[in-house]
PDB file of N, CA and C in Angstrom:
ATOM      1  N   MET A   1       0.841  -1.209   0.000  1.00  0.00           N
ATOM      2  CA  MET A   1       0.000   0.000   0.000  1.00  0.00           C
ATOM      3  C   MET A   1       0.878   1.263   0.000  1.00  0.00           C
ATOM      4  N   ALA A   2       1.931   1.249   0.809  1.00  0.00           N
ATOM      5  CA  ALA A   2       2.825   2.409   0.883  1.00  0.00           C
ATOM      6  C   ALA A   2       3.541   2.632  -0.456  1.00  0.00           C
ATOM      7  N   ASP A   3       3.902   1.524  -1.127  1.00  0.00           N
ATOM      8  CA  ASP A   3       4.563   1.643  -2.424  1.00  0.00           C
ATOM      9  C   ASP A   3       3.653   2.316  -3.451  1.00  0.00           C
ATOM     10  N   MET A   4       2.388   1.990  -3.429  1.00  0.00           N
ATOM     11  CA  MET A   4       1.426   2.584  -4.356  1.00  0.00           C
ATOM     12  C   MET A   4       1.337   4.092  -4.143  1.00  0.00           C
ATOM     13  N   LYS A   5       1.329   4.513  -2.887  1.00  0.00           N
ATOM     14  CA  LYS A   5       1.246   5.948  -2.590  1.00  0.00           C
ATOM     15  C   LYS A   5       2.497   6.670  -3.082  1.00  0.00           C
ATOM     16  N   ARG A   6       3.670   6.033  -2.883  1.00  0.00           N
ATOM     17  CA  ARG A   6       4.927   6.652  -3.315  1.00  0.00           C
ATOM     18  C   ARG A   6       4.942   6.788  -4.840  1.00  0.00           C
ATOM     19  N   LEU A   7       4.463   5.760  -5.546  1.00  0.00           N
ATOM     20  CA  LEU A   7       4.391   5.825  -7.008  1.00  0.00           C
ATOM     21  C   LEU A   7       3.414   6.916  -7.453  1.00  0.00           C
ATOM     22  N   GLY A   8       2.318   7.064  -6.725  1.00  0.00           N
ATOM     23  CA  GLY A   8       1.303   8.048  -7.081  1.00  0.00           C
ATOM     24  C   GLY A   8       1.772   9.482  -6.985  1.00  0.00           C
ATOM     25  N   ASN A   9       2.843   9.714  -6.213  1.00  0.00           N
ATOM     26  CA  ASN A   9       3.338  11.081  -6.030  1.00  0.00           C
ATOM     27  C   ASN A   9       4.359  11.495  -7.089  1.00  0.00           C
ATOM     28  N   LYS A  10       4.702  10.583  -7.998  1.00  0.00           N
ATOM     29  CA  LYS A  10       5.666  10.926  -9.056  1.00  0.00           C
ATOM     30  C   LYS A  10       5.022  11.917 -10.031  1.00  0.00           C
ATOM     31  N   PRO A  11       5.769  12.942 -10.474  1.00  0.00           N
ATOM     32  CA  PRO A  11       5.210  13.933 -11.399  1.00  0.00           C
ATOM     33  C   PRO A  11       4.794  13.320 -12.738  1.00  0.00           C
ATOM     34  N   GLY A  12       5.472  12.241 -13.145  1.00  0.00           N
ATOM     35  CA  GLY A  12       5.129  11.589 -14.411  1.00  0.00           C
ATOM     36  C   GLY A  12       3.696  11.097 -14.421  1.00  0.00           C
ATOM     37  N   LYS A  13       3.239  10.543 -13.300  1.00  0.00           N
ATOM     38  CA  LYS A  13       1.861  10.043 -13.211  1.00  0.00           C
ATOM     39  C   LYS A  13       0.880  11.217 -13.297  1.00  0.00           C
ATOM     40  N   GLN A  14       1.212  12.322 -12.647  1.00  0.00           N
ATOM     41  CA  GLN A  14       0.329  13.492 -12.696  1.00  0.00           C
ATOM     42  C   GLN A  14       0.238  14.028 -14.122  1.00  0.00           C
ATOM     43  N   LEU A  15       1.378  14.009 -14.847  1.00  0.00           N
ATOM     44  CA  LEU A  15       1.376  14.455 -16.238  1.00  0.00           C
ATOM     45  C   LEU A  15       0.482  13.560 -17.077  1.00  0.00           C
ATOM     46  N   LYS A  16       0.611  12.237 -16.894  1.00  0.00           N
ATOM     47  CA  LYS A  16      -0.214  11.309 -17.657  1.00  0.00           C
ATOM     48  C   LYS A  16      -1.684  11.533 -17.350  1.00  0.00           C
ATOM     49  N   GLU A  17      -2.011  11.765 -16.078  1.00  0.00           N
ATOM     50  CA  GLU A  17      -3.412  11.991 -15.704  1.00  0.00           C
ATOM     51  C   GLU A  17      -3.936  13.281 -16.313  1.00  0.00           C
ATOM     52  N   SER A  18      -3.103  14.342 -16.349  1.00  0.00           N
ATOM     53  CA  SER A  18      -3.556  15.597 -16.941  1.00  0.00           C
ATOM     54  C   SER A  18      -3.773  15.415 -18.449  1.00  0.00           C
ATOM     55  N   HIS A  19      -2.889  14.636 -19.099  1.00  0.00           N
ATOM     56  CA  HIS A  19      -3.074  14.353 -20.522  1.00  0.00           C
ATOM     57  C   HIS A  19      -4.376  13.589 -20.736  1.00  0.00           C
ATOM     58  N   PHE A  20      -4.675  12.648 -19.837  1.00  0.00           N
ATOM     59  CA  PHE A  20      -5.921  11.892 -19.936  1.00  0.00           C
ATOM     60  C   PHE A  20      -7.117  12.834 -19.818  1.00  0.00           C
ATOM     61  N   TRP A  21      -7.049  13.768 -18.857  1.00  0.00           N
ATOM     62  CA  TRP A  21      -8.167  14.690 -18.668  1.00  0.00           C
ATOM     63  C   TRP A  21      -8.319  15.634 -19.850  1.00  0.00           C
ATOM     64  N   ILE A  22      -7.188  16.060 -20.451  1.00  0.00           N
ATOM     65  CA  ILE A  22      -7.256  16.919 -21.641  1.00  0.00           C
ATOM     66  C   ILE A  22      -7.931  16.158 -22.782  1.00  0.00           C
ATOM     67  N   ALA A  23      -7.524  14.887 -22.970  1.00  0.00           N
ATOM     68  CA  ALA A  23      -8.116  14.065 -24.032  1.00  0.00           C
ATOM     69  C   ALA A  23      -9.603  13.843 -23.768  1.00  0.00           C
ATOM     70  N   ALA A  24      -9.949  13.564 -22.507  1.00  0.00           N
ATOM     71  CA  ALA A  24     -11.352  13.326 -22.153  1.00  0.00           C
ATOM     72  C   ALA A  24     -12.192  14.587 -22.384  1.00  0.00           C
ATOM     73  N   THR A  25     -11.631  15.748 -22.041  1.00  0.00           N
ATOM     74  CA  THR A  25     -12.348  17.016 -22.230  1.00  0.00           C
ATOM     75  C   THR A  25     -12.566  17.298 -23.714  1.00  0.00           C
ATOM     76  N   LEU A  26     -11.508  17.097 -24.520  1.00  0.00           N
ATOM     77  CA  LEU A  26     -11.627  17.313 -25.962  1.00  0.00           C
ATOM     78  C   LEU A  26     -12.661  16.364 -26.558  1.00  0.00           C
ATOM     79  N   PHE A  27     -12.626  15.105 -26.126  1.00  0.00           N
ATOM     80  CA  PHE A  27     -13.593  14.121 -26.620  1.00  0.00           C
ATOM     81  C   PHE A  27     -15.008  14.544 -26.251  1.00  0.00           C
ATOM     82  N   GLY A  28     -15.192  15.041 -25.032  1.00  0.00           N
ATOM     83  CA  GLY A  28     -16.504  15.509 -24.581  1.00  0.00           C
ATOM     84  C   GLY A  28     -17.006  16.672 -25.418  1.00  0.00           C
ATOM     85  N   ILE A  29     -16.098  17.618 -25.723  1.00  0.00           N
ATOM     86  CA  ILE A  29     -16.471  18.782 -26.535  1.00  0.00           C
ATOM     87  C   ILE A  29     -16.900  18.318 -27.930  1.00  0.00           C
ATOM     88  N   PHE A  30     -16.102  17.409 -28.530  1.00  0.00           N
ATOM     89  CA  PHE A  30     -16.442  16.911 -29.866  1.00  0.00           C
ATOM     90  C   PHE A  30     -17.766  16.147 -29.850  1.00  0.00           C
ATOM     91  N   ALA A  31     -18.007  15.395 -28.772  1.00  0.00           N
ATOM     92  CA  ALA A  31     -19.260  14.644 -28.653  1.00  0.00           C
ATOM     93  C   ALA A  31     -20.449  15.601 -28.609  1.00  0.00           C
ATOM     94  N   VAL A  32     -20.323  16.676 -27.838  1.00  0.00           N
ATOM     95  CA  VAL A  32     -21.403  17.673 -27.730  1.00  0.00           C
ATOM     96  C   VAL A  32     -21.646  18.338 -29.083  1.00  0.00           C
ATOM     97  N   ILE A  33     -20.552  18.733 -29.754  1.00  0.00           N
ATOM     98  CA  ILE A  33     -20.680  19.371 -31.074  1.00  0.00           C
ATOM     99  C   ILE A  33     -21.375  18.415 -32.047  1.00  0.00           C
ATOM    100  N   TYR A  34     -20.980  17.122 -32.018  1.00  0.00           N
ATOM    101  CA  TYR A  34     -21.574  16.139 -32.928  1.00  0.00           C
ATOM    102  C   TYR A  34     -23.064  15.969 -32.652  1.00  0.00           C
ATOM    103  N   VAL A  35     -23.443  15.913 -31.379  1.00  0.00           N
ATOM    104  CA  VAL A  35     -24.857  15.757 -31.019  1.00  0.00           C
ATOM    105  C   VAL A  35     -25.661  16.966 -31.477  1.00  0.00           C
ATOM    106  N   ILE A  36     -25.129  18.174 -31.249  1.00  0.00           N
ATOM    107  CA  ILE A  36     -25.828  19.397 -31.674  1.00  0.00           C
ATOM    108  C   ILE A  36     -25.971  19.401 -33.196  1.00  0.00           C
ATOM    109  N   TRP A  37     -24.883  19.043 -33.926  1.00  0.00           N
ATOM    110  CA  TRP A  37     -24.918  19.008 -35.391  1.00  0.00           C
ATOM    111  C   TRP A  37     -25.952  17.999 -35.871  1.00  0.00           C
ATOM    112  N   TRP A  38     -25.996  16.833 -35.210  1.00  0.00           N
ATOM    113  CA  TRP A  38     -26.952  15.784 -35.585  1.00  0.00           C
ATOM    114  C   TRP A  38     -28.386  16.259 -35.349  1.00  0.00           C
ATOM    115  N   LEU A  39     -28.623  16.947 -34.219  1.00  0.00           N
ATOM    116  CA  LEU A  39     -29.968  17.462 -33.923  1.00  0.00           C
ATOM    117  C   LEU A  39     -30.377  18.512 -34.947  1.00  0.00           C
ATOM    118  N   LEU A  40     -29.482  19.451 -35.263  1.00  0.00           N
ATOM    119  CA  LEU A  40     -29.787  20.479 -36.258  1.00  0.00           C
ATOM    120  C   LEU A  40     -30.071  19.836 -37.608  1.00  0.00           C
ATOM    121  N   ASP A  41     -29.266  18.824 -37.975  1.00  0.00           N
ATOM    122  CA  ASP A  41     -29.443  18.130 -39.246  1.00  0.00           C
ATOM    123  C   ASP A  41     -30.807  17.455 -39.316  1.00  0.00           C
ATOM    124  N   SER A  42     -31.221  16.835 -38.218  1.00  0.00           N
ATOM    125  CA  SER A  42     -32.517  16.149 -38.205  1.00  0.00           C
ATOM    126  C   SER A  42     -33.681  17.146 -38.213  1.00  0.00           C
ATOM    127  N   ILE A  43     -33.477  18.334 -37.641  1.00  0.00           N
ATOM    128  CA  ILE A  43     -34.523  19.371 -37.632  1.00  0.00           C
ATOM    129  C   ILE A  43     -34.688  19.946 -39.045  1.00  0.00           C
ATOM    130  N   ILE A  44     -33.561  20.187 -39.729  1.00  0.00           N
ATOM    131  CA  ILE A  44     -33.596  20.789 -41.062  1.00  0.00           C
ATOM    132  C   ILE A  44     -34.272  19.852 -42.069  1.00  0.00           C
ATOM    133  N   LYS A  45     -34.031  18.544 -41.944  1.00  0.00           N
ATOM    134  CA  LYS A  45     -34.573  17.587 -42.922  1.00  0.00           C
ATOM    135  C   LYS A  45     -36.093  17.485 -42.889  1.00  0.00           C
TER     136      LYS A  45
END
């Protein structure tokens, strides 16, 4: 358990987690844009 905590404090892990959150945020934004585009497309048709 102590080893896991020591590994968790490495800056490399924090960098990887921030990259994951950036990717997740970008994916979320694209998903929202796609849903809005799909709704507008279905309304126009």
